[in-house]
Amino acid sequence: MVPTKKHSPKKTHPKKRKTLRPFLRGMIPAKNIIIIPIFIPQYPYMKIKPLQNNDPWYDKTGLVVFLLIGMPIIGIYGLARSSTISKGGKIGLVIFTLIVWSLIGAGARIAQYP
């Protein structure tokens, strides 16, 4: 029996990683690039929620306040129907609206007399 030479598997070189995009090659030396990984933690409360808001318009407090000052009749209806604003909050908003409208009326009356 003749001893045969053990053939080692052919060494393959791993593919070279492209560190720079082709249009940047030659412009910036690869040894000067520092890559800092930025990890953004994902917590359950940070999940993106779909933009589905099925709340009725009168349960949106900001909209009701805006309507109280801009269109009082619709604002008062929304205030009466709202389930998110407490009873004390509704009374406070009505008083606030009356003050704002009385100031608007007083300002208009003063503007009539130069």
N, C-alpha and C. Protein backbone atom coordinates (compact mmCIF):
# COMPACT_ATOMS: atom_id res chain seq x y z
N MET A 1 0.82 -1.15 0.00
CA MET A 1 0.00 0.00 0.00
C MET A 1 0.88 1.24 0.00
N VAL A 2 0.59 2.13 -0.87
CA VAL A 2 1.39 3.33 -1.02
C VAL A 2 0.73 4.43 -0.20
N PRO A 3 1.55 5.07 0.66
CA PRO A 3 0.94 6.15 1.45
C PRO A 3 0.52 7.30 0.53
N THR A 4 -0.67 7.73 0.75
CA THR A 4 -1.17 8.84 -0.06
C THR A 4 -1.07 10.13 0.74
N LYS A 5 -0.96 11.14 0.01
CA LYS A 5 -0.86 12.44 0.63
C LYS A 5 -2.25 12.85 1.11
N LYS A 6 -2.28 13.30 2.32
CA LYS A 6 -3.57 13.77 2.82
C LYS A 6 -3.86 15.11 2.18
N HIS A 7 -4.99 15.16 1.59
CA HIS A 7 -5.39 16.40 0.95
C HIS A 7 -6.17 17.23 1.97
N SER A 8 -5.63 18.37 2.21
CA SER A 8 -6.37 19.27 3.09
C SER A 8 -7.41 19.99 2.24
N PRO A 9 -8.53 20.27 2.85
CA PRO A 9 -9.54 20.99 2.06
C PRO A 9 -8.99 22.33 1.60
N LYS A 10 -9.41 22.68 0.44
CA LYS A 10 -8.93 23.93 -0.16
C LYS A 10 -9.37 25.10 0.72
N LYS A 11 -8.43 25.93 1.07
CA LYS A 11 -8.74 27.08 1.91
C LYS A 11 -9.46 28.12 1.06
N THR A 12 -10.57 28.50 1.60
CA THR A 12 -11.31 29.57 0.92
C THR A 12 -11.26 30.79 1.81
N HIS A 13 -11.02 31.86 1.18
CA HIS A 13 -10.97 33.10 1.92
C HIS A 13 -12.40 33.63 2.10
N PRO A 14 -12.68 34.10 3.31
CA PRO A 14 -14.02 34.68 3.48
C PRO A 14 -14.16 35.92 2.61
N LYS A 15 -15.37 36.17 2.23
CA LYS A 15 -15.61 37.34 1.39
C LYS A 15 -15.25 38.60 2.17
N LYS A 16 -14.62 39.50 1.48
CA LYS A 16 -14.28 40.76 2.11
C LYS A 16 -15.55 41.57 2.33
N ARG A 17 -15.67 42.09 3.53
CA ARG A 17 -16.82 42.94 3.81
C ARG A 17 -16.60 44.31 3.19
N LYS A 18 -17.61 44.79 2.60
CA LYS A 18 -17.52 46.12 2.04
C LYS A 18 -17.83 47.10 3.16
N THR A 19 -16.84 47.84 3.56
CA THR A 19 -17.04 48.77 4.66
C THR A 19 -17.61 50.09 4.20
N LEU A 20 -17.39 50.42 2.97
CA LEU A 20 -17.90 51.68 2.45
C LEU A 20 -18.74 51.42 1.22
N ARG A 21 -19.68 52.25 1.00
CA ARG A 21 -20.47 52.14 -0.21
C ARG A 21 -19.58 52.46 -1.39
N PRO A 22 -19.90 51.89 -2.53
CA PRO A 22 -19.00 52.08 -3.68
C PRO A 22 -18.71 53.54 -4.01
N PHE A 23 -19.67 54.43 -3.84
CA PHE A 23 -19.40 55.82 -4.20
C PHE A 23 -18.50 56.52 -3.19
N LEU A 24 -18.30 55.92 -2.00
CA LEU A 24 -17.42 56.52 -1.02
C LEU A 24 -16.00 55.97 -1.07
N ARG A 25 -15.82 54.86 -1.78
CA ARG A 25 -14.48 54.28 -1.84
C ARG A 25 -13.51 55.26 -2.47
N GLY A 26 -12.38 55.39 -1.88
CA GLY A 26 -11.36 56.29 -2.39
C GLY A 26 -11.49 57.69 -1.85
N MET A 27 -12.67 58.05 -1.37
CA MET A 27 -12.85 59.39 -0.83
C MET A 27 -12.46 59.43 0.65
N ILE A 28 -12.86 58.40 1.40
CA ILE A 28 -12.58 58.37 2.83
C ILE A 28 -11.80 57.10 3.12
N PRO A 29 -10.65 57.21 3.76
CA PRO A 29 -9.92 55.99 4.10
C PRO A 29 -10.71 55.20 5.13
N ALA A 30 -10.79 53.88 4.93
CA ALA A 30 -11.61 53.03 5.79
C ALA A 30 -11.08 52.97 7.21
N LYS A 31 -9.79 53.20 7.42
CA LYS A 31 -9.24 53.09 8.77
C LYS A 31 -9.64 54.27 9.65
N ASN A 32 -10.11 55.35 9.06
CA ASN A 32 -10.50 56.52 9.84
C ASN A 32 -11.97 56.53 10.24
N ILE A 33 -12.72 55.52 9.82
CA ILE A 33 -14.14 55.50 10.11
C ILE A 33 -14.38 54.81 11.44
N ILE A 34 -15.10 55.47 12.30
CA ILE A 34 -15.47 54.89 13.58
C ILE A 34 -16.98 54.68 13.55
N ILE A 35 -17.40 53.47 13.81
CA ILE A 35 -18.82 53.16 13.81
C ILE A 35 -19.25 52.97 15.25
N ILE A 36 -20.21 53.77 15.66
CA ILE A 36 -20.75 53.69 17.02
C ILE A 36 -22.15 53.11 16.91
N PRO A 37 -22.35 51.91 17.45
CA PRO A 37 -23.70 51.34 17.37
C PRO A 37 -24.62 52.05 18.36
N ILE A 38 -25.81 52.35 17.91
CA ILE A 38 -26.80 52.97 18.76
C ILE A 38 -27.94 51.98 18.93
N PHE A 39 -28.18 51.62 20.17
CA PHE A 39 -29.24 50.66 20.46
C PHE A 39 -30.40 51.41 21.10
N ILE A 40 -31.56 51.25 20.54
CA ILE A 40 -32.76 51.87 21.10
C ILE A 40 -33.57 50.76 21.75
N PRO A 41 -33.71 50.82 23.07
CA PRO A 41 -34.44 49.74 23.74
C PRO A 41 -35.92 49.78 23.36
N GLN A 42 -36.49 48.62 23.28
CA GLN A 42 -37.91 48.51 22.97
C GLN A 42 -38.63 48.01 24.22
N TYR A 43 -39.46 48.84 24.76
CA TYR A 43 -40.25 48.48 25.92
C TYR A 43 -41.69 48.29 25.48
N PRO A 44 -42.46 47.53 26.23
CA PRO A 44 -43.85 47.30 25.80
C PRO A 44 -44.65 48.58 25.63
N TYR A 45 -44.38 49.59 26.46
CA TYR A 45 -45.16 50.81 26.35
C TYR A 45 -44.70 51.69 25.19
N MET A 46 -43.60 51.33 24.52
CA MET A 46 -43.10 52.12 23.40
C MET A 46 -43.58 51.60 22.05
N LYS A 47 -44.41 50.57 22.06
CA LYS A 47 -44.86 50.01 20.80
C LYS A 47 -45.71 51.02 20.05
N ILE A 48 -45.58 51.01 18.76
CA ILE A 48 -46.33 51.93 17.92
C ILE A 48 -47.76 51.43 17.82
N LYS A 49 -48.68 52.31 18.13
CA LYS A 49 -50.09 51.95 18.06
C LYS A 49 -50.67 52.51 16.77
N PRO A 50 -51.60 51.78 16.18
CA PRO A 50 -52.22 52.32 14.96
C PRO A 50 -53.03 53.56 15.29
N LEU A 51 -53.18 54.40 14.31
CA LEU A 51 -53.88 55.66 14.50
C LEU A 51 -55.39 55.46 14.42
N GLN A 52 -55.89 54.67 15.34
CA GLN A 52 -57.33 54.45 15.40
C GLN A 52 -57.83 55.05 16.69
N ASN A 53 -58.62 56.07 16.58
CA ASN A 53 -59.18 56.72 17.75
C ASN A 53 -60.69 56.71 17.56
N ASN A 54 -61.33 55.78 18.25
CA ASN A 54 -62.77 55.63 18.07
C ASN A 54 -63.56 56.41 19.12
N ASP A 55 -62.88 57.32 19.85
CA ASP A 55 -63.59 58.12 20.84
C ASP A 55 -64.49 59.12 20.11
N PRO A 56 -65.68 59.35 20.64
CA PRO A 56 -66.53 60.39 20.04
C PRO A 56 -65.91 61.77 20.26
N TRP A 57 -66.29 62.71 19.44
CA TRP A 57 -65.68 64.04 19.48
C TRP A 57 -65.90 64.71 20.82
N TYR A 58 -67.01 64.45 21.49
CA TYR A 58 -67.30 65.14 22.74
C TYR A 58 -66.52 64.57 23.92
N ASP A 59 -65.78 63.49 23.73
CA ASP A 59 -64.92 62.97 24.79
C ASP A 59 -63.50 63.52 24.70
N LYS A 60 -63.23 64.36 23.73
CA LYS A 60 -61.92 64.99 23.59
C LYS A 60 -61.98 66.36 24.27
N THR A 61 -61.31 66.46 25.41
CA THR A 61 -61.44 67.64 26.25
C THR A 61 -60.99 68.92 25.54
N GLY A 62 -59.88 68.87 24.85
CA GLY A 62 -59.37 70.06 24.16
C GLY A 62 -60.34 70.58 23.12
N LEU A 63 -60.95 69.66 22.38
CA LEU A 63 -61.91 70.06 21.36
C LEU A 63 -63.14 70.70 21.99
N VAL A 64 -63.60 70.14 23.10
CA VAL A 64 -64.78 70.69 23.77
C VAL A 64 -64.48 72.10 24.28
N VAL A 65 -63.30 72.32 24.86
CA VAL A 65 -62.94 73.65 25.35
C VAL A 65 -62.86 74.64 24.18
N PHE A 66 -62.25 74.21 23.08
CA PHE A 66 -62.17 75.07 21.90
C PHE A 66 -63.57 75.43 21.39
N LEU A 67 -64.47 74.44 21.36
CA LEU A 67 -65.82 74.70 20.88
C LEU A 67 -66.61 75.56 21.85
N LEU A 68 -66.33 75.46 23.15
CA LEU A 68 -67.00 76.32 24.12
C LEU A 68 -66.71 77.79 23.85
N ILE A 69 -65.49 78.09 23.46
CA ILE A 69 -65.12 79.49 23.21
C ILE A 69 -65.47 79.90 21.78
N GLY A 70 -65.22 79.01 20.81
CA GLY A 70 -65.46 79.36 19.41
C GLY A 70 -66.90 79.26 18.99
N MET A 71 -67.57 78.17 19.36
CA MET A 71 -68.98 77.95 19.02
C MET A 71 -69.70 77.44 20.27
N PRO A 72 -70.16 78.35 21.12
CA PRO A 72 -70.67 77.96 22.44
C PRO A 72 -71.81 76.97 22.43
N ILE A 73 -72.70 77.02 21.49
CA ILE A 73 -73.84 76.12 21.48
C ILE A 73 -73.37 74.67 21.30
N ILE A 74 -72.49 74.45 20.33
CA ILE A 74 -71.96 73.11 20.10
C ILE A 74 -71.07 72.69 21.27
N GLY A 75 -70.31 73.64 21.82
CA GLY A 75 -69.45 73.33 22.97
C GLY A 75 -70.25 72.92 24.20
N ILE A 76 -71.37 73.58 24.45
CA ILE A 76 -72.20 73.23 25.60
C ILE A 76 -72.82 71.85 25.40
N TYR A 77 -73.22 71.53 24.17
CA TYR A 77 -73.74 70.19 23.88
C TYR A 77 -72.66 69.14 24.12
N GLY A 78 -71.45 69.40 23.63
CA GLY A 78 -70.35 68.46 23.84
C GLY A 78 -69.99 68.32 25.31
N LEU A 79 -70.08 69.42 26.04
CA LEU A 79 -69.79 69.39 27.48
C LEU A 79 -70.83 68.55 28.22
N ALA A 80 -72.08 68.66 27.81
CA ALA A 80 -73.14 67.88 28.46
C ALA A 80 -72.99 66.39 28.15
N ARG A 81 -72.56 66.05 26.94
CA ARG A 81 -72.44 64.65 26.54
C ARG A 81 -71.14 64.00 27.01
N SER A 82 -70.13 64.80 27.35
CA SER A 82 -68.80 64.27 27.66
C SER A 82 -68.81 63.39 28.91
N SER A 83 -68.13 62.25 28.79
CA SER A 83 -67.99 61.36 29.95
C SER A 83 -66.59 61.44 30.54
N THR A 84 -65.69 62.16 29.88
CA THR A 84 -64.32 62.27 30.38
C THR A 84 -64.13 63.47 31.30
N ILE A 85 -65.02 64.43 31.26
CA ILE A 85 -64.93 65.63 32.10
C ILE A 85 -65.83 65.43 33.32
N SER A 86 -65.28 65.65 34.50
CA SER A 86 -66.06 65.45 35.72
C SER A 86 -67.10 66.56 35.88
N LYS A 87 -68.00 66.37 36.87
CA LYS A 87 -69.05 67.36 37.09
C LYS A 87 -68.45 68.70 37.51
N GLY A 88 -67.46 68.67 38.41
CA GLY A 88 -66.79 69.90 38.82
C GLY A 88 -66.06 70.56 37.67
N GLY A 89 -65.45 69.75 36.79
CA GLY A 89 -64.78 70.29 35.62
C GLY A 89 -65.74 70.96 34.66
N LYS A 90 -66.94 70.37 34.54
CA LYS A 90 -67.94 70.97 33.65
C LYS A 90 -68.40 72.33 34.19
N ILE A 91 -68.60 72.40 35.51
CA ILE A 91 -69.01 73.68 36.12
C ILE A 91 -67.90 74.72 35.94
N GLY A 92 -66.65 74.30 36.15
CA GLY A 92 -65.52 75.22 35.98
C GLY A 92 -65.38 75.70 34.55
N LEU A 93 -65.60 74.81 33.59
CA LEU A 93 -65.50 75.21 32.18
C LEU A 93 -66.62 76.16 31.78
N VAL A 94 -67.81 75.97 32.33
CA VAL A 94 -68.91 76.89 32.03
C VAL A 94 -68.59 78.28 32.58
N ILE A 95 -68.07 78.34 33.82
CA ILE A 95 -67.69 79.63 34.41
C ILE A 95 -66.58 80.28 33.60
N PHE A 96 -65.58 79.50 33.19
CA PHE A 96 -64.48 80.00 32.37
C PHE A 96 -65.01 80.57 31.05
N THR A 97 -65.94 79.85 30.43
CA THR A 97 -66.50 80.31 29.16
C THR A 97 -67.27 81.61 29.34
N LEU A 98 -68.05 81.72 30.43
CA LEU A 98 -68.79 82.95 30.68
C LEU A 98 -67.86 84.14 30.89
N ILE A 99 -66.74 83.91 31.60
CA ILE A 99 -65.76 84.98 31.82
C ILE A 99 -65.15 85.41 30.49
N VAL A 100 -64.75 84.44 29.66
CA VAL A 100 -64.12 84.77 28.37
C VAL A 100 -65.09 85.54 27.49
N TRP A 101 -66.34 85.10 27.41
CA TRP A 101 -67.30 85.79 26.56
C TRP A 101 -67.68 87.16 27.11
N SER A 102 -67.68 87.32 28.44
CA SER A 102 -67.96 88.65 28.98
C SER A 102 -66.80 89.61 28.68
N LEU A 103 -65.56 89.10 28.72
CA LEU A 103 -64.41 89.95 28.35
C LEU A 103 -64.44 90.31 26.87
N ILE A 104 -64.85 89.37 26.05
CA ILE A 104 -64.96 89.66 24.62
C ILE A 104 -66.03 90.74 24.40
N GLY A 105 -67.17 90.61 25.09
CA GLY A 105 -68.24 91.62 24.95
C GLY A 105 -67.82 92.97 25.48
N ALA A 106 -67.09 93.00 26.61
CA ALA A 106 -66.64 94.27 27.17
C ALA A 106 -65.62 94.92 26.22
N GLY A 107 -64.77 94.13 25.63
CA GLY A 107 -63.79 94.67 24.69
C GLY A 107 -64.47 95.25 23.47
N ALA A 108 -65.51 94.60 23.02
CA ALA A 108 -66.23 95.12 21.84
C ALA A 108 -66.95 96.41 22.19
N ARG A 109 -67.48 96.51 23.40
CA ARG A 109 -68.20 97.71 23.81
C ARG A 109 -67.24 98.89 23.96
N ILE A 110 -66.05 98.63 24.49
CA ILE A 110 -65.06 99.70 24.66
C ILE A 110 -64.58 100.18 23.30
N ALA A 111 -64.47 99.25 22.35
CA ALA A 111 -63.98 99.62 21.01
C ALA A 111 -64.97 100.51 20.28
N GLN A 112 -66.26 100.49 20.68
CA GLN A 112 -67.24 101.34 20.00
C GLN A 112 -67.05 102.81 20.33
N TYR A 113 -66.58 103.10 21.54
CA TYR A 113 -66.45 104.49 21.98
C TYR A 113 -64.99 104.91 21.98
N PRO A 114 -64.59 105.71 21.00
CA PRO A 114 -63.17 106.11 20.95
C PRO A 114 -62.78 107.13 21.97
